[in-house]
Amino acid sequence: MSLMKKQNLILSSFILFFFIGAFSLGSQELKIISGKANVSDGDTIKINGERIRFGGIDAPESNFFGKKQFCYLDDIKIDCGILSKEKLEKKIQKNLVNCFLESNKDIHKRHVGECFIGNESLSVYMVRSGFAFDYPKYSKGKFKKDQAFAEYYSLGLWNMKFEYPWIWRKKNR
């Protein structure tokens, strides 16, 4: 069998499995948003006017009802919400971002999904670098190992005193 025939057979098989998988989803529709992203904070971006919240992670707040979340490095007060946002901005820069969205929006009417640059998950990147956290209420532990890595190596916010964002929000409503 020639190389061209093998490649066509592999491609045809891939396409067939893709469509079988897509039809087996039934009423669940896979929605993808792609484009240049503007960063709102360490776990939220906007693409083509659509706000997208990274599912299963949580980052410090840069503006929660006019309040900022701070972390402490020794006695130095640090705006960790802005720090997290800047980490994500630096990662994304002008790259194309692809987001695979869940079917339901969150309580703030944002899409929820996982976003990628190439094949790298931005959620994994933010948690593994220590600038966002596995959000157990929604993640089912999906990012737990990435968080353990960041904590073990004291990366990002793990070298400071902080409150998990969900605890901080509860205290600052």
C-alpha atoms as a PDB file:
ATOM      1  CA  MET A   1       0.000   0.000   0.000  1.00  0.00           C
ATOM      2  CA  SER A   2       1.420   3.378  -0.954  1.00  0.00           C
ATOM      3  CA  LEU A   3       2.108   6.118   1.577  1.00  0.00           C
ATOM      4  CA  MET A   4      -0.644   8.288   0.061  1.00  0.00           C
ATOM      5  CA  LYS A   5      -3.227   5.504   0.428  1.00  0.00           C
ATOM      6  CA  LYS A   6      -2.183   4.907   4.062  1.00  0.00           C
ATOM      7  CA  GLN A   7      -2.527   8.607   4.855  1.00  0.00           C
ATOM      8  CA  ASN A   8      -5.973   8.749   3.206  1.00  0.00           C
ATOM      9  CA  LEU A   9      -7.070   5.642   5.134  1.00  0.00           C
ATOM     10  CA  ILE A  10      -5.900   7.157   8.432  1.00  0.00           C
ATOM     11  CA  LEU A  11      -7.577  10.494   7.648  1.00  0.00           C
ATOM     12  CA  SER A  12     -10.822   8.759   6.600  1.00  0.00           C
ATOM     13  CA  SER A  13     -10.806   6.692   9.807  1.00  0.00           C
ATOM     14  CA  PHE A  14     -10.264   9.823  11.903  1.00  0.00           C
ATOM     15  CA  ILE A  15     -13.125  11.653  10.190  1.00  0.00           C
ATOM     16  CA  LEU A  16     -15.414   8.620  10.593  1.00  0.00           C
ATOM     17  CA  PHE A  17     -14.651   8.337  14.334  1.00  0.00           C
ATOM     18  CA  PHE A  18     -15.135  12.092  14.750  1.00  0.00           C
ATOM     19  CA  PHE A  19     -18.618  11.987  13.211  1.00  0.00           C
ATOM     20  CA  ILE A  20     -19.599   8.849  15.114  1.00  0.00           C
ATOM     21  CA  GLY A  21     -18.536  10.596  18.325  1.00  0.00           C
ATOM     22  CA  ALA A  22     -20.350  13.791  17.387  1.00  0.00           C
ATOM     23  CA  PHE A  23     -23.599  11.981  16.611  1.00  0.00           C
ATOM     24  CA  SER A  24     -23.398   9.891  19.776  1.00  0.00           C
ATOM     25  CA  LEU A  25     -23.494  13.121  21.795  1.00  0.00           C
ATOM     26  CA  GLY A  26     -27.161  13.393  20.857  1.00  0.00           C
ATOM     27  CA  SER A  27     -28.546  16.746  21.979  1.00  0.00           C
ATOM     28  CA  GLN A  28     -25.235  17.894  23.470  1.00  0.00           C
ATOM     29  CA  GLU A  29     -23.779  20.341  21.004  1.00  0.00           C
ATOM     30  CA  LEU A  30     -20.065  21.044  21.079  1.00  0.00           C
ATOM     31  CA  LYS A  31     -19.476  24.762  20.823  1.00  0.00           C
ATOM     32  CA  ILE A  32     -16.095  26.232  20.041  1.00  0.00           C
ATOM     33  CA  ILE A  33     -15.080  29.893  20.128  1.00  0.00           C
ATOM     34  CA  SER A  34     -11.741  30.872  18.591  1.00  0.00           C
ATOM     35  CA  GLY A  35      -9.927  34.144  18.198  1.00  0.00           C
ATOM     36  CA  LYS A  36      -7.747  36.747  19.832  1.00  0.00           C
ATOM     37  CA  ALA A  37      -8.487  37.006  23.538  1.00  0.00           C
ATOM     38  CA  ASN A  38      -8.720  39.923  25.935  1.00  0.00           C
ATOM     39  CA  VAL A  39      -8.010  38.945  29.538  1.00  0.00           C
ATOM     40  CA  SER A  40     -10.498  40.055  32.201  1.00  0.00           C
ATOM     41  CA  ASP A  41      -8.729  38.279  35.068  1.00  0.00           C
ATOM     42  CA  GLY A  42      -6.789  35.091  35.762  1.00  0.00           C
ATOM     43  CA  ASP A  43      -9.694  32.803  34.877  1.00  0.00           C
ATOM     44  CA  THR A  44     -11.835  34.830  32.462  1.00  0.00           C
ATOM     45  CA  ILE A  45     -11.258  36.027  28.907  1.00  0.00           C
ATOM     46  CA  LYS A  46     -13.294  37.613  26.152  1.00  0.00           C
ATOM     47  CA  ILE A  47     -13.208  36.460  22.511  1.00  0.00           C
ATOM     48  CA  ASN A  48     -15.316  38.134  19.825  1.00  0.00           C
ATOM     49  CA  GLY A  49     -17.403  39.848  22.504  1.00  0.00           C
ATOM     50  CA  GLU A  50     -18.138  36.572  24.335  1.00  0.00           C
ATOM     51  CA  ARG A  51     -17.024  36.261  27.975  1.00  0.00           C
ATOM     52  CA  ILE A  52     -15.547  32.862  28.813  1.00  0.00           C
ATOM     53  CA  ARG A  53     -14.894  31.606  32.360  1.00  0.00           C
ATOM     54  CA  PHE A  54     -12.374  28.785  32.681  1.00  0.00           C
ATOM     55  CA  GLY A  55     -14.279  25.864  34.168  1.00  0.00           C
ATOM     56  CA  GLY A  56     -12.916  24.083  37.229  1.00  0.00           C
ATOM     57  CA  ILE A  57     -10.362  26.690  38.286  1.00  0.00           C
ATOM     58  CA  ASP A  58     -10.507  29.893  40.298  1.00  0.00           C
ATOM     59  CA  ALA A  59      -8.101  32.831  40.286  1.00  0.00           C
ATOM     60  CA  PRO A  60      -7.752  35.738  42.747  1.00  0.00           C
ATOM     61  CA  GLU A  61     -10.129  38.642  42.234  1.00  0.00           C
ATOM     62  CA  SER A  62      -8.946  41.851  40.598  1.00  0.00           C
ATOM     63  CA  ASN A  63     -12.342  43.591  40.903  1.00  0.00           C
ATOM     64  CA  PHE A  64     -15.058  41.938  42.969  1.00  0.00           C
ATOM     65  CA  PHE A  65     -17.749  44.536  43.618  1.00  0.00           C
ATOM     66  CA  GLY A  66     -15.001  47.155  43.590  1.00  0.00           C
ATOM     67  CA  LYS A  67     -12.726  45.150  45.893  1.00  0.00           C
ATOM     68  CA  LYS A  68      -9.307  43.694  45.139  1.00  0.00           C
ATOM     69  CA  GLN A  69      -7.874  40.520  46.573  1.00  0.00           C
ATOM     70  CA  PHE A  70      -4.444  40.850  48.158  1.00  0.00           C
ATOM     71  CA  CYS A  71      -1.756  38.331  49.057  1.00  0.00           C
ATOM     72  CA  TYR A  72       1.201  38.873  51.349  1.00  0.00           C
ATOM     73  CA  LEU A  73       4.858  38.156  50.718  1.00  0.00           C
ATOM     74  CA  ASP A  74       6.398  38.580  54.141  1.00  0.00           C
ATOM     75  CA  ASP A  75       4.956  42.002  55.065  1.00  0.00           C
ATOM     76  CA  ILE A  76       4.484  43.209  51.489  1.00  0.00           C
ATOM     77  CA  LYS A  77       0.872  43.589  50.317  1.00  0.00           C
ATOM     78  CA  ILE A  78       0.503  42.360  46.718  1.00  0.00           C
ATOM     79  CA  ASP A  79      -2.498  42.699  44.404  1.00  0.00           C
ATOM     80  CA  CYS A  80      -2.624  38.998  43.538  1.00  0.00           C
ATOM     81  CA  GLY A  81      -5.696  39.431  41.299  1.00  0.00           C
ATOM     82  CA  ILE A  82      -3.680  41.696  39.002  1.00  0.00           C
ATOM     83  CA  LEU A  83      -0.665  39.384  39.293  1.00  0.00           C
ATOM     84  CA  SER A  84      -2.782  36.452  38.094  1.00  0.00           C
ATOM     85  CA  LYS A  85      -4.323  38.504  35.284  1.00  0.00           C
ATOM     86  CA  GLU A  86      -0.883  39.637  34.083  1.00  0.00           C
ATOM     87  CA  LYS A  87       0.383  36.041  34.078  1.00  0.00           C
ATOM     88  CA  LEU A  88      -2.464  35.018  31.757  1.00  0.00           C
ATOM     89  CA  GLU A  89      -1.984  38.107  29.543  1.00  0.00           C
ATOM     90  CA  LYS A  90       1.709  37.311  29.166  1.00  0.00           C
ATOM     91  CA  LYS A  91       0.891  33.703  28.224  1.00  0.00           C
ATOM     92  CA  ILE A  92      -1.770  34.594  25.659  1.00  0.00           C
ATOM     93  CA  GLN A  93      -0.203  37.715  24.109  1.00  0.00           C
ATOM     94  CA  LYS A  94      -1.456  37.762  20.494  1.00  0.00           C
ATOM     95  CA  ASN A  95      -1.894  33.999  20.140  1.00  0.00           C
ATOM     96  CA  LEU A  96      -5.044  32.418  18.758  1.00  0.00           C
ATOM     97  CA  VAL A  97      -7.107  30.928  21.598  1.00  0.00           C
ATOM     98  CA  ASN A  98      -9.560  28.042  21.077  1.00  0.00           C
ATOM     99  CA  CYS A  99     -12.218  27.455  23.727  1.00  0.00           C
ATOM    100  CA  PHE A 100     -14.381  24.344  24.029  1.00  0.00           C
ATOM    101  CA  LEU A 101     -17.530  25.419  25.829  1.00  0.00           C
ATOM    102  CA  GLU A 102     -19.916  23.631  28.136  1.00  0.00           C
ATOM    103  CA  SER A 103     -23.587  23.762  27.196  1.00  0.00           C
ATOM    104  CA  ASN A 104     -24.639  25.933  30.157  1.00  0.00           C
ATOM    105  CA  LYS A 105     -23.486  29.411  31.169  1.00  0.00           C
ATOM    106  CA  ASP A 106     -22.572  30.386  34.740  1.00  0.00           C
ATOM    107  CA  ILE A 107     -24.642  32.598  37.067  1.00  0.00           C
ATOM    108  CA  HIS A 108     -22.992  35.695  35.564  1.00  0.00           C
ATOM    109  CA  LYS A 109     -24.112  34.598  32.047  1.00  0.00           C
ATOM    110  CA  ARG A 110     -20.554  33.809  30.969  1.00  0.00           C
ATOM    111  CA  HIS A 111     -19.705  30.806  28.829  1.00  0.00           C
ATOM    112  CA  VAL A 112     -17.812  28.142  30.770  1.00  0.00           C
ATOM    113  CA  GLY A 113     -15.142  26.073  29.100  1.00  0.00           C
ATOM    114  CA  GLU A 114     -11.542  25.083  28.681  1.00  0.00           C
ATOM    115  CA  CYS A 115      -9.353  27.209  26.458  1.00  0.00           C
ATOM    116  CA  PHE A 116      -6.163  26.313  24.639  1.00  0.00           C
ATOM    117  CA  ILE A 117      -3.253  27.833  22.780  1.00  0.00           C
ATOM    118  CA  GLY A 118      -2.332  25.058  20.383  1.00  0.00           C
ATOM    119  CA  ASN A 119      -2.726  21.933  22.497  1.00  0.00           C
ATOM    120  CA  GLU A 120      -1.840  23.610  25.827  1.00  0.00           C
ATOM    121  CA  SER A 121      -4.689  24.158  28.284  1.00  0.00           C
ATOM    122  CA  LEU A 122      -4.659  27.657  29.759  1.00  0.00           C
ATOM    123  CA  SER A 123      -6.388  26.290  32.881  1.00  0.00           C
ATOM    124  CA  VAL A 124      -3.618  23.752  33.452  1.00  0.00           C
ATOM    125  CA  TYR A 125      -1.028  26.447  32.775  1.00  0.00           C
ATOM    126  CA  MET A 126      -2.526  28.869  35.322  1.00  0.00           C
ATOM    127  CA  VAL A 127      -2.920  26.253  38.066  1.00  0.00           C
ATOM    128  CA  ARG A 128       0.432  24.551  37.427  1.00  0.00           C
ATOM    129  CA  SER A 129       2.254  27.896  37.500  1.00  0.00           C
ATOM    130  CA  GLY A 130       0.536  28.769  40.796  1.00  0.00           C
ATOM    131  CA  PHE A 131      -1.585  31.733  39.670  1.00  0.00           C
ATOM    132  CA  ALA A 132      -4.969  29.971  39.862  1.00  0.00           C
ATOM    133  CA  PHE A 133      -6.365  27.080  41.887  1.00  0.00           C
ATOM    134  CA  ASP A 134      -8.202  23.835  41.334  1.00  0.00           C
ATOM    135  CA  TYR A 135     -11.807  24.743  42.261  1.00  0.00           C
ATOM    136  CA  PRO A 136     -13.058  21.520  43.875  1.00  0.00           C
ATOM    137  CA  LYS A 137     -16.703  22.606  43.802  1.00  0.00           C
ATOM    138  CA  TYR A 138     -16.622  22.460  39.988  1.00  0.00           C
ATOM    139  CA  SER A 139     -13.465  20.599  38.922  1.00  0.00           C
ATOM    140  CA  LYS A 140     -14.014  17.127  40.385  1.00  0.00           C
ATOM    141  CA  GLY A 141     -10.254  17.244  41.038  1.00  0.00           C
ATOM    142  CA  LYS A 142      -9.312  17.677  37.378  1.00  0.00           C
ATOM    143  CA  PHE A 143      -6.504  20.149  38.217  1.00  0.00           C
ATOM    144  CA  LYS A 144      -5.564  18.698  41.614  1.00  0.00           C
ATOM    145  CA  LYS A 145      -2.214  17.276  40.430  1.00  0.00           C
ATOM    146  CA  ASP A 146      -1.286  20.551  38.720  1.00  0.00           C
ATOM    147  CA  GLN A 147      -2.038  22.400  41.949  1.00  0.00           C
ATOM    148  CA  ALA A 148       0.003  19.919  43.999  1.00  0.00           C
ATOM    149  CA  PHE A 149       2.934  20.546  41.641  1.00  0.00           C
ATOM    150  CA  ALA A 150       2.707  24.342  42.076  1.00  0.00           C
ATOM    151  CA  GLU A 151       2.331  24.032  45.838  1.00  0.00           C
ATOM    152  CA  TYR A 152       5.247  21.596  46.173  1.00  0.00           C
ATOM    153  CA  TYR A 153       7.577  23.930  44.268  1.00  0.00           C
ATOM    154  CA  SER A 154       6.143  27.119  45.868  1.00  0.00           C
ATOM    155  CA  LEU A 155       5.287  28.565  42.468  1.00  0.00           C
ATOM    156  CA  GLY A 156       3.323  31.756  41.914  1.00  0.00           C
ATOM    157  CA  LEU A 157       1.005  32.522  44.795  1.00  0.00           C
ATOM    158  CA  TRP A 158       2.139  29.448  46.709  1.00  0.00           C
ATOM    159  CA  ASN A 159       5.155  31.407  47.985  1.00  0.00           C
ATOM    160  CA  MET A 160       2.805  33.946  49.622  1.00  0.00           C
ATOM    161  CA  LYS A 161       0.037  34.018  52.198  1.00  0.00           C
ATOM    162  CA  PHE A 162      -3.336  34.004  50.464  1.00  0.00           C
ATOM    163  CA  GLU A 163      -6.950  32.944  50.769  1.00  0.00           C
ATOM    164  CA  TYR A 164      -8.540  30.764  48.148  1.00  0.00           C
ATOM    165  CA  PRO A 165     -10.673  33.059  45.962  1.00  0.00           C
ATOM    166  CA  TRP A 166     -13.948  31.297  46.821  1.00  0.00           C
ATOM    167  CA  ILE A 167     -13.287  31.853  50.537  1.00  0.00           C
ATOM    168  CA  TRP A 168     -12.219  35.473  49.984  1.00  0.00           C
ATOM    169  CA  ARG A 169     -15.383  36.193  47.938  1.00  0.00           C
ATOM    170  CA  LYS A 170     -17.599  34.718  50.644  1.00  0.00           C
ATOM    171  CA  LYS A 171     -16.029  37.099  53.208  1.00  0.00           C
ATOM    172  CA  ASN A 172     -16.244  40.121  50.888  1.00  0.00           C
ATOM    173  CA  ARG A 173     -19.803  40.017  49.568  1.00  0.00           C
END
